[in-house]
C-alpha atoms as a PDB file:
ATOM      1  CA  MET A   1       0.078  -0.020  -0.124  1.00  0.00           C
ATOM      2  CA  THR A   2       1.756   3.304  -0.912  1.00  0.00           C
ATOM      3  CA  SER A   3       0.726   6.742   1.514  1.00  0.00           C
ATOM      4  CA  ARG A   4      -0.011   9.623   0.241  1.00  0.00           C
ATOM      5  CA  SER A   5       2.109  12.131   1.907  1.00  0.00           C
ATOM      6  CA  ALA A   6       0.655  15.890   1.020  1.00  0.00           C
ATOM      7  CA  PRO A   7       2.569  18.777   2.778  1.00  0.00           C
ATOM      8  CA  ALA A   8       1.215  19.410   6.179  1.00  0.00           C
ATOM      9  CA  LYS A   9      -1.577  22.361   5.948  1.00  0.00           C
ATOM     10  CA  ALA A  10      -2.832  24.128   8.846  1.00  0.00           C
ATOM     11  CA  TRP A  11      -6.272  23.413   9.999  1.00  0.00           C
ATOM     12  CA  SER A  12      -8.980  26.302  10.044  1.00  0.00           C
ATOM     13  CA  PRO A  13     -11.820  26.174  13.031  1.00  0.00           C
ATOM     14  CA  SER A  14     -13.286  29.095  11.094  1.00  0.00           C
ATOM     15  CA  ALA A  15     -14.849  26.179   8.686  1.00  0.00           C
ATOM     16  CA  ALA A  16     -16.288  22.359   9.751  1.00  0.00           C
ATOM     17  CA  ALA A  17     -14.497  21.380   6.614  1.00  0.00           C
ATOM     18  CA  ARG A  18     -11.505  19.181   5.634  1.00  0.00           C
ATOM     19  CA  ALA A  19      -8.347  18.946   2.987  1.00  0.00           C
ATOM     20  CA  THR A  20      -8.657  16.151   0.963  1.00  0.00           C
ATOM     21  CA  ALA A  21      -6.057  13.766  -0.557  1.00  0.00           C
ATOM     22  CA  THR A  22      -7.347  15.691  -3.895  1.00  0.00           C
ATOM     23  CA  ASP A  23      -6.998  19.223  -2.390  1.00  0.00           C
ATOM     24  CA  LYS A  24     -10.683  19.669  -2.404  1.00  0.00           C
ATOM     25  CA  SER A  25     -12.470  20.876   0.518  1.00  0.00           C
ATOM     26  CA  ARG A  26     -15.502  18.768   2.119  1.00  0.00           C
ATOM     27  CA  SER A  27     -18.141  20.707   4.234  1.00  0.00           C
ATOM     28  CA  THR A  28     -19.610  18.863   6.888  1.00  0.00           C
ATOM     29  CA  PRO A  29     -22.872  20.959   8.066  1.00  0.00           C
ATOM     30  CA  GLY A  30     -23.713  20.665  11.910  1.00  0.00           C
ATOM     31  CA  ALA A  31     -20.169  19.136  12.737  1.00  0.00           C
ATOM     32  CA  ARG A  32     -19.521  22.890  14.469  1.00  0.00           C
ATOM     33  CA  THR A  33     -20.042  22.077  17.896  1.00  0.00           C
ATOM     34  CA  ALA A  34     -18.157  19.011  18.169  1.00  0.00           C
ATOM     35  CA  LEU A  35     -15.493  20.321  16.342  1.00  0.00           C
ATOM     36  CA  ASP A  36     -15.031  23.439  18.815  1.00  0.00           C
ATOM     37  CA  ALA A  37     -15.137  20.923  21.957  1.00  0.00           C
ATOM     38  CA  TRP A  38     -12.349  18.605  20.464  1.00  0.00           C
ATOM     39  CA  LEU A  39     -10.537  21.769  19.600  1.00  0.00           C
ATOM     40  CA  GLY A  40     -10.545  22.554  23.220  1.00  0.00           C
ATOM     41  CA  ARG A  41      -9.640  19.491  24.351  1.00  0.00           C
ATOM     42  CA  ARG A  42      -7.039  18.536  21.710  1.00  0.00           C
ATOM     43  CA  SER A  43      -5.168  22.283  22.685  1.00  0.00           C
ATOM     44  CA  ALA A  44      -3.944  20.076  25.994  1.00  0.00           C
ATOM     45  CA  LEU A  45      -2.396  17.348  23.755  1.00  0.00           C
ATOM     46  CA  PRO A  46       1.033  16.254  22.709  1.00  0.00           C
ATOM     47  CA  GLY A  47       1.821  18.065  19.638  1.00  0.00           C
ATOM     48  CA  ASN A  48      -0.866  21.019  19.925  1.00  0.00           C
ATOM     49  CA  ASP A  49       1.296  23.083  17.677  1.00  0.00           C
ATOM     50  CA  ASN A  50       0.854  20.400  14.722  1.00  0.00           C
ATOM     51  CA  PRO A  51      -1.491  21.960  11.894  1.00  0.00           C
ATOM     52  CA  ALA A  52      -3.565  18.362  11.319  1.00  0.00           C
ATOM     53  CA  LEU A  53      -6.859  18.040  13.036  1.00  0.00           C
ATOM     54  CA  LEU A  54      -5.946  14.115  14.345  1.00  0.00           C
ATOM     55  CA  LEU A  55      -3.505  13.448  15.709  1.00  0.00           C
ATOM     56  CA  SER A  56      -1.609  10.382  17.041  1.00  0.00           C
ATOM     57  CA  LEU A  57      -0.869   9.933  20.857  1.00  0.00           C
ATOM     58  CA  GLN A  58       2.958  11.075  19.810  1.00  0.00           C
ATOM     59  CA  GLY A  59       1.342  14.198  18.418  1.00  0.00           C
ATOM     60  CA  GLN A  60       1.538  13.363  15.135  1.00  0.00           C
ATOM     61  CA  ARG A  61      -0.767  13.591  12.075  1.00  0.00           C
ATOM     62  CA  LEU A  62      -2.739  10.407  11.873  1.00  0.00           C
ATOM     63  CA  SER A  63      -2.275   8.782   8.356  1.00  0.00           C
ATOM     64  CA  CYS A  64      -5.072   7.463   6.677  1.00  0.00           C
ATOM     65  CA  ARG A  65      -4.334   3.798   7.298  1.00  0.00           C
ATOM     66  CA  ALA A  66      -4.058   4.702  11.181  1.00  0.00           C
ATOM     67  CA  ILE A  67      -8.023   6.225  10.870  1.00  0.00           C
ATOM     68  CA  ASP A  68      -9.281   2.968   8.851  1.00  0.00           C
ATOM     69  CA  LEU A  69      -7.169   1.016  11.316  1.00  0.00           C
ATOM     70  CA  THR A  70      -9.131   2.459  14.366  1.00  0.00           C
ATOM     71  CA  VAL A  71     -12.517   2.268  12.905  1.00  0.00           C
ATOM     72  CA  ARG A  72     -12.084  -1.634  12.326  1.00  0.00           C
ATOM     73  CA  ARG A  73     -10.777  -1.744  15.864  1.00  0.00           C
ATOM     74  CA  LEU A  74     -13.852   0.199  17.263  1.00  0.00           C
ATOM     75  CA  ALA A  75     -15.780  -1.918  14.615  1.00  0.00           C
ATOM     76  CA  GLN A  76     -14.412  -5.115  15.974  1.00  0.00           C
ATOM     77  CA  HIS A  77     -14.981  -4.250  19.555  1.00  0.00           C
ATOM     78  CA  ALA A  78     -18.875  -4.091  18.823  1.00  0.00           C
ATOM     79  CA  ASP A  79     -18.839  -7.307  17.237  1.00  0.00           C
ATOM     80  CA  LEU A  80     -19.228  -5.548  13.787  1.00  0.00           C
ATOM     81  CA  GLU A  81     -17.249  -5.012  10.303  1.00  0.00           C
ATOM     82  CA  ALA A  82     -16.785  -1.800   9.403  1.00  0.00           C
ATOM     83  CA  SER A  83     -14.086   0.426   7.938  1.00  0.00           C
ATOM     84  CA  ALA A  84     -13.545   4.127   7.389  1.00  0.00           C
ATOM     85  CA  HIS A  85     -14.689   3.478   3.587  1.00  0.00           C
ATOM     86  CA  THR A  86     -18.230   1.902   4.671  1.00  0.00           C
ATOM     87  CA  LEU A  87     -18.631   4.381   7.111  1.00  0.00           C
ATOM     88  CA  ARG A  88     -18.092   6.874   4.133  1.00  0.00           C
ATOM     89  CA  HIS A  89     -20.353   4.875   1.396  1.00  0.00           C
ATOM     90  CA  THR A  90     -22.887   4.407   4.333  1.00  0.00           C
ATOM     91  CA  TYR A  91     -23.396   7.952   4.982  1.00  0.00           C
ATOM     92  CA  LEU A  92     -23.876   8.803   1.366  1.00  0.00           C
ATOM     93  CA  THR A  93     -25.824   6.120   0.345  1.00  0.00           C
ATOM     94  CA  ARG A  94     -27.951   7.347   3.735  1.00  0.00           C
ATOM     95  CA  LEU A  95     -28.289  10.790   2.256  1.00  0.00           C
ATOM     96  CA  VAL A  96     -29.457   9.972  -1.332  1.00  0.00           C
ATOM     97  CA  ARG A  97     -31.936   7.305  -0.035  1.00  0.00           C
ATOM     98  CA  ALA A  98     -33.145   9.930   2.456  1.00  0.00           C
ATOM     99  CA  GLY A  99     -34.434  12.477  -0.438  1.00  0.00           C
ATOM    100  CA  ASN A 100     -31.601  14.812  -0.668  1.00  0.00           C
ATOM    101  CA  ASP A 101     -30.936  15.958  -3.720  1.00  0.00           C
ATOM    102  CA  ILE A 102     -27.928  14.004  -5.793  1.00  0.00           C
ATOM    103  CA  VAL A 103     -25.667  17.166  -6.811  1.00  0.00           C
ATOM    104  CA  LEU A 104     -25.871  18.193  -2.806  1.00  0.00           C
ATOM    105  CA  VAL A 105     -24.675  15.072  -1.614  1.00  0.00           C
ATOM    106  CA  ALA A 106     -22.038  15.193  -4.775  1.00  0.00           C
ATOM    107  CA  GLU A 107     -20.697  18.378  -3.255  1.00  0.00           C
ATOM    108  CA  LEU A 108     -20.669  17.045   0.191  1.00  0.00           C
ATOM    109  CA  ALA A 109     -18.711  14.126  -0.255  1.00  0.00           C
ATOM    110  CA  GLY A 110     -16.815  16.290  -2.720  1.00  0.00           C
ATOM    111  CA  HIS A 111     -16.785  14.557  -5.874  1.00  0.00           C
ATOM    112  CA  ALA A 112     -15.963  16.303  -9.082  1.00  0.00           C
ATOM    113  CA  GLY A 113     -18.783  14.586 -11.335  1.00  0.00           C
ATOM    114  CA  LEU A 114     -22.648  12.943 -10.785  1.00  0.00           C
ATOM    115  CA  LYS A 115     -20.858  10.230 -12.383  1.00  0.00           C
ATOM    116  CA  THR A 116     -19.673   9.290  -9.000  1.00  0.00           C
ATOM    117  CA  THR A 117     -22.131   9.491  -6.932  1.00  0.00           C
ATOM    118  CA  ARG A 118     -24.135   8.041  -8.826  1.00  0.00           C
ATOM    119  CA  ARG A 119     -23.691   4.603  -7.663  1.00  0.00           C
ATOM    120  CA  TYR A 120     -25.098   5.594  -4.217  1.00  0.00           C
ATOM    121  CA  SER A 121     -28.218   5.921  -5.541  1.00  0.00           C
ATOM    122  CA  LEU A 122     -28.532   2.651  -7.563  1.00  0.00           C
ATOM    123  CA  PRO A 123     -31.311   0.134  -6.287  1.00  0.00           C
ATOM    124  CA  SER A 124     -30.595  -2.901  -3.691  1.00  0.00           C
ATOM    125  CA  ALA A 125     -31.615  -5.927  -4.215  1.00  0.00           C
ATOM    126  CA  ALA A 126     -34.679  -5.487  -1.128  1.00  0.00           C
ATOM    127  CA  ASP A 127     -35.235  -1.971  -3.344  1.00  0.00           C
ATOM    128  CA  ARG A 128     -36.032  -4.680  -6.644  1.00  0.00           C
ATOM    129  CA  GLN A 129     -37.962  -6.712  -4.236  1.00  0.00           C
ATOM    130  CA  THR A 130     -40.184  -4.241  -3.101  1.00  0.00           C
ATOM    131  CA  ALA A 131     -40.940  -2.863  -6.672  1.00  0.00           C
ATOM    132  CA  MET A 132     -41.563  -6.401  -7.663  1.00  0.00           C
ATOM    133  CA  ASP A 133     -44.168  -6.723  -4.548  1.00  0.00           C
ATOM    134  CA  ALA A 134     -45.921  -3.447  -5.176  1.00  0.00           C
ATOM    135  CA  LEU A 135     -46.816  -5.044  -8.743  1.00  0.00           C
ATOM    136  CA  THR A 136     -50.324  -6.033  -8.981  1.00  0.00           C
ATOM    137  CA  ILE A 137     -51.814  -8.983 -11.704  1.00  0.00           C
ATOM    138  CA  ASP A 138     -54.984  -8.486 -12.569  1.00  0.00           C
ATOM    139  CA  TYR A 139     -56.303 -12.328 -13.104  1.00  0.00           C
END
């Protein structure tokens, strides 16, 4: 597995957003309160001069792999199987299935085009079964 090493950028507490590997910014509405609370606690931790939002116990920037392993371990502890990717996929799928506009979901996901976001709107096996069950046949 290769590591994406982007130059360290200062995280701005003025917006609930994050820089991505492709240098895009993704906004997450409703995260302001949680981020403010975290930043208050984070200032007392080692590495508080590091511009990264999430840090290791040594005060270093967490890698994508470290975050994924943490999610997997927490899920395993709860007798679940999950990864950072499945959390993202579930979040986006639920947004689409809740009736949110696909353009809005694409923007929240940081997708450049709707083709990438379309996969979250594809019908599941349960959707197909529900559609078939709803068919009425007159004899």
